Amino acid sequence: VGRNGGEGRRLVVKSPVHTSRVRVLLEMFPEAQFIFVHRHPEDTFRSAAHLADAYYWYTYLSKPSDLEITDFIIRQMETLHADYFRDRDLIPQGNLVEVSFAELNSDIASTFQRIYAALSLPSWELPDGGKRAMEYTSGLAGFKKNSHKALSERHRHLLRQRLAFVYNDLGYQQD
């Protein structure tokens, strides 16, 4: 989250590709604050594979093989996480909070309170008592997430082999 100069307003950049751009974002916004939301690597892969299956075909000049698509997705994950892990120590103390998607998903209100506290943001008790945020989250109650194909053993092995550093750093089990 970078301040955009407006009083009380912030620029929010919510694209996974920016995970690799910590250094550049800090050059542009030295006081930027970051919220890193991470998911289990296997869930991230399944979601990316679903995206590739549903949408990437639209951009192909020639159809890649399943192996090429798998390699592309894992390479993206390797690059994004390696860059983030390399550069996150550049973020000033108090300007970074890391949150698992599972935590956010299971208790959004407490997670937001933790984020606000970690970043020393104005109180979670916003002028409206957090009412707008809670109305928004209660509106998500009926939201149905995409369902993804089960992960094959080959894919699971590739992920655990190539992304072991992600599992370890973020505390995900490789059962």
Protein backbone atom coordinates (compact mmCIF):
# COMPACT_ATOMS: atom_id res chain seq x y z
CA VAL A 1 0.00 0.00 0.00
CA GLY A 2 1.60 3.27 -1.05
CA ARG A 3 0.45 6.73 -0.09
CA ASN A 4 -0.69 8.65 -3.15
CA GLY A 5 -0.42 12.10 -1.67
CA GLY A 6 -4.13 12.56 -1.05
CA GLU A 7 -5.15 13.18 2.52
CA GLY A 8 -6.16 9.86 4.03
CA ARG A 9 -6.10 8.12 0.67
CA ARG A 10 -3.81 5.28 -0.37
CA LEU A 11 -2.86 3.59 -3.59
CA VAL A 12 -3.51 -0.14 -3.37
CA VAL A 13 -1.65 -2.36 -5.84
CA LYS A 14 -3.15 -5.85 -5.75
CA SER A 15 -1.50 -7.80 -8.52
CA PRO A 16 0.64 -10.87 -7.81
CA VAL A 17 3.28 -9.71 -10.29
CA HIS A 18 4.07 -6.78 -7.97
CA THR A 19 5.35 -9.33 -5.45
CA SER A 20 8.58 -9.19 -7.48
CA ARG A 21 8.70 -5.41 -7.43
CA VAL A 22 9.35 -4.57 -3.78
CA ARG A 23 12.59 -2.76 -4.61
CA VAL A 24 11.00 -0.66 -7.39
CA LEU A 25 7.92 0.13 -5.30
CA LEU A 26 10.14 1.31 -2.44
CA GLU A 27 12.08 3.54 -4.85
CA MET A 28 8.82 5.06 -6.03
CA PHE A 29 7.13 5.11 -2.60
CA PRO A 30 9.79 5.06 0.17
CA GLU A 31 7.11 5.01 2.89
CA ALA A 32 5.08 2.26 1.22
CA GLN A 33 3.42 -0.32 3.42
CA PHE A 34 3.03 -3.90 2.24
CA ILE A 35 0.53 -6.62 2.98
CA PHE A 36 1.79 -9.94 1.63
CA VAL A 37 -1.06 -12.44 1.38
CA HIS A 38 0.19 -15.94 0.65
CA ARG A 39 -1.45 -19.27 -0.07
CA HIS A 40 -0.25 -22.84 0.12
CA PRO A 41 1.89 -23.41 -3.01
CA GLU A 42 -0.32 -26.30 -4.11
CA ASP A 43 -3.45 -24.14 -3.91
CA THR A 44 -1.69 -21.36 -5.79
CA PHE A 45 -0.62 -23.77 -8.51
CA ARG A 46 -4.11 -25.25 -8.87
CA SER A 47 -5.60 -21.76 -9.17
CA ALA A 48 -2.99 -20.72 -11.76
CA ALA A 49 -3.53 -23.93 -13.72
CA HIS A 50 -7.27 -23.25 -13.73
CA LEU A 51 -6.61 -19.72 -14.99
CA ALA A 52 -4.33 -21.06 -17.73
CA ASP A 53 -6.88 -23.66 -18.75
CA ALA A 54 -9.78 -21.20 -18.76
CA TYR A 55 -8.16 -18.06 -20.18
CA TYR A 56 -4.62 -18.38 -21.51
CA TRP A 57 -5.74 -20.16 -24.69
CA TYR A 58 -7.12 -16.82 -25.79
CA THR A 59 -3.61 -15.35 -26.00
CA TYR A 60 -1.71 -18.26 -27.57
CA LEU A 61 -0.21 -17.97 -31.02
CA SER A 62 0.41 -21.71 -30.87
CA LYS A 63 -0.82 -24.09 -28.19
CA PRO A 64 1.84 -24.99 -25.61
CA SER A 65 2.02 -28.47 -24.15
CA ASP A 66 0.79 -29.22 -20.64
CA LEU A 67 4.44 -29.60 -19.60
CA GLU A 68 5.26 -26.11 -20.94
CA ILE A 69 2.29 -24.60 -19.12
CA THR A 70 3.24 -26.37 -15.89
CA ASP A 71 6.83 -25.17 -16.19
CA PHE A 72 5.67 -21.60 -16.89
CA ILE A 73 3.42 -21.54 -13.80
CA ILE A 74 6.08 -22.99 -11.50
CA ARG A 75 8.75 -20.67 -12.92
CA GLN A 76 6.48 -17.69 -12.19
CA MET A 77 5.98 -18.91 -8.64
CA GLU A 78 9.74 -19.44 -8.18
CA THR A 79 10.57 -15.98 -9.50
CA LEU A 80 7.89 -14.10 -7.58
CA HIS A 81 8.73 -15.73 -4.26
CA ALA A 82 12.52 -15.59 -4.71
CA ASP A 83 12.36 -11.87 -5.53
CA TYR A 84 10.01 -11.17 -2.63
CA PHE A 85 12.11 -13.15 -0.12
CA ARG A 86 15.27 -11.41 -1.38
CA ASP A 87 13.84 -7.90 -1.09
CA ARG A 88 11.40 -7.98 1.82
CA ASP A 89 14.19 -7.07 4.28
CA LEU A 90 14.42 -3.73 2.43
CA ILE A 91 10.97 -2.83 3.73
CA PRO A 92 11.30 -0.64 6.82
CA GLN A 93 10.31 -2.15 10.15
CA GLY A 94 6.58 -1.72 10.72
CA ASN A 95 5.75 -1.42 7.02
CA LEU A 96 5.19 -5.11 6.25
CA VAL A 97 2.67 -7.64 7.44
CA GLU A 98 2.42 -11.19 6.08
CA VAL A 99 -0.94 -12.96 6.19
CA SER A 100 -1.94 -16.40 5.01
CA PHE A 101 -4.98 -16.64 2.79
CA ALA A 102 -6.32 -19.32 5.15
CA GLU A 103 -6.15 -16.88 8.07
CA LEU A 104 -7.82 -14.14 6.06
CA ASN A 105 -10.48 -16.55 4.88
CA SER A 106 -11.26 -17.99 8.31
CA ASP A 107 -11.51 -14.76 10.33
CA ILE A 108 -11.47 -11.65 8.22
CA ALA A 109 -12.29 -9.21 11.03
CA SER A 110 -9.48 -10.39 13.34
CA THR A 111 -7.07 -10.55 10.42
CA PHE A 112 -7.87 -6.96 9.44
CA GLN A 113 -7.40 -5.89 13.05
CA ARG A 114 -3.98 -7.58 13.04
CA ILE A 115 -3.06 -5.89 9.74
CA TYR A 116 -4.11 -2.45 11.00
CA ALA A 117 -2.15 -2.93 14.22
CA ALA A 118 0.97 -4.25 12.47
CA LEU A 119 1.04 -1.29 10.07
CA SER A 120 0.07 1.27 12.74
CA LEU A 121 -2.86 2.32 10.61
CA PRO A 122 -5.60 4.47 12.08
CA SER A 123 -7.74 2.38 14.36
CA TRP A 124 -9.71 -0.53 12.95
CA GLU A 125 -12.55 1.21 14.74
CA LEU A 126 -13.11 3.47 11.77
CA PRO A 127 -15.48 6.44 12.02
CA ASP A 128 -18.31 4.10 11.04
CA GLY A 129 -17.08 1.48 13.52
CA GLY A 130 -15.81 -0.70 10.70
CA LYS A 131 -19.42 -1.04 9.57
CA ARG A 132 -18.65 -0.68 5.83
CA ALA A 133 -15.92 -3.31 5.97
CA MET A 134 -18.14 -5.72 7.88
CA GLU A 135 -21.08 -5.11 5.49
CA TYR A 136 -18.77 -5.86 2.59
CA THR A 137 -17.48 -9.10 4.11
CA SER A 138 -20.95 -10.26 5.12
CA GLY A 139 -21.97 -9.75 1.48
CA LEU A 140 -19.36 -12.33 0.51
CA ALA A 141 -21.09 -15.06 2.50
CA GLY A 142 -22.71 -16.61 -0.57
CA PHE A 143 -19.64 -16.19 -2.78
CA LYS A 144 -18.65 -19.47 -4.37
CA LYS A 145 -14.94 -19.92 -5.03
CA ASN A 146 -13.68 -21.68 -8.12
CA SER A 147 -13.24 -25.38 -7.72
CA HIS A 148 -9.99 -26.74 -9.08
CA LYS A 149 -8.84 -30.09 -10.32
CA ALA A 150 -7.04 -32.31 -7.84
CA LEU A 151 -3.28 -32.05 -7.99
CA SER A 152 -1.54 -34.99 -9.62
CA GLU A 153 1.36 -36.67 -7.83
CA ARG A 154 3.67 -35.50 -10.63
CA HIS A 155 2.65 -31.88 -10.07
CA ARG A 156 2.87 -32.25 -6.30
CA HIS A 157 6.39 -33.67 -6.63
CA LEU A 158 7.48 -30.86 -8.99
CA LEU A 159 6.12 -28.20 -6.63
CA ARG A 160 7.76 -29.71 -3.57
CA GLN A 161 11.04 -30.06 -5.40
CA ARG A 162 11.20 -26.65 -7.03
CA LEU A 163 9.39 -24.62 -4.38
CA ALA A 164 10.79 -26.20 -1.21
CA PHE A 165 12.11 -22.76 -0.20
CA VAL A 166 8.54 -21.36 -0.34
CA TYR A 167 7.07 -24.20 1.74
CA ASN A 168 9.84 -23.72 4.31
CA ASP A 169 9.81 -19.93 4.50
CA LEU A 170 6.04 -19.64 4.78
CA GLY A 171 5.64 -22.67 7.07
CA TYR A 172 3.62 -24.93 4.78
CA GLN A 173 3.81 -28.68 5.29
CA GLN A 174 4.94 -30.93 2.46
CA ASP A 175 3.01 -34.03 3.57
